[in-house]
Amino acid sequence: QVQLVESGGGLVQAGDSLRLSCAASGRAMGTYAMGWFRQAPAKEREFVAVIGRSGGRTSYTDSVKGRFTISRDDAKNTVWLQMNNLKPEDTAVYYCAADPQRTIIPSTSRTSYAYWGQGTQVTVSS
C-alpha cells in the first residue's frame, strides 16, 4: 500500500495561486492513478482533478478547468496541484488520493480511491 502526505495549503486572497504537493511513500506511486479531492464545510467530498498512471490522461471538474493543473513525477513519488486564480468557492480541505485499479482512464469517483492523505486546508478570502 501507499502512504500520502499533503502540504502547501494556506490562507490566500482571491486571484492568488497555491501549489499543493502530495508525497507518497511505501509502494511506488507509479502503479497508481492519483487524484485531488476537496471537501468544504457541510458538503460532500468532491472530485477536483485526477491523473492516470504515467501521467498520460488528466481530468478536471468543470469549476477548475483552466485554473488548476495536476501533474506527477513518479521518480520523486510526488503529485502536485497548481491552483491559479483562486476563488472563495475553492475554500476546502484538499485531499490527495491513490487508486490501485489498473484502469486506462483515471476514475473521478472517490469510491475508486483506496488510499488517502490527511488533507491540507485551503482558504481563499474575497
Foldseek 3Di string as FASTA:
>chain_A
DKAKAKDWADEEAAQAKIKMKIAIDDPQQLLWKKFKWWDDPPGDIFGAKIAGRVRPDMDGDPVQPPFWDWDDDRVRRMIMIIGGRDDQVVWTWMKMFTANDNDPYDDRDPVRTDYIYPTDTHGYHD
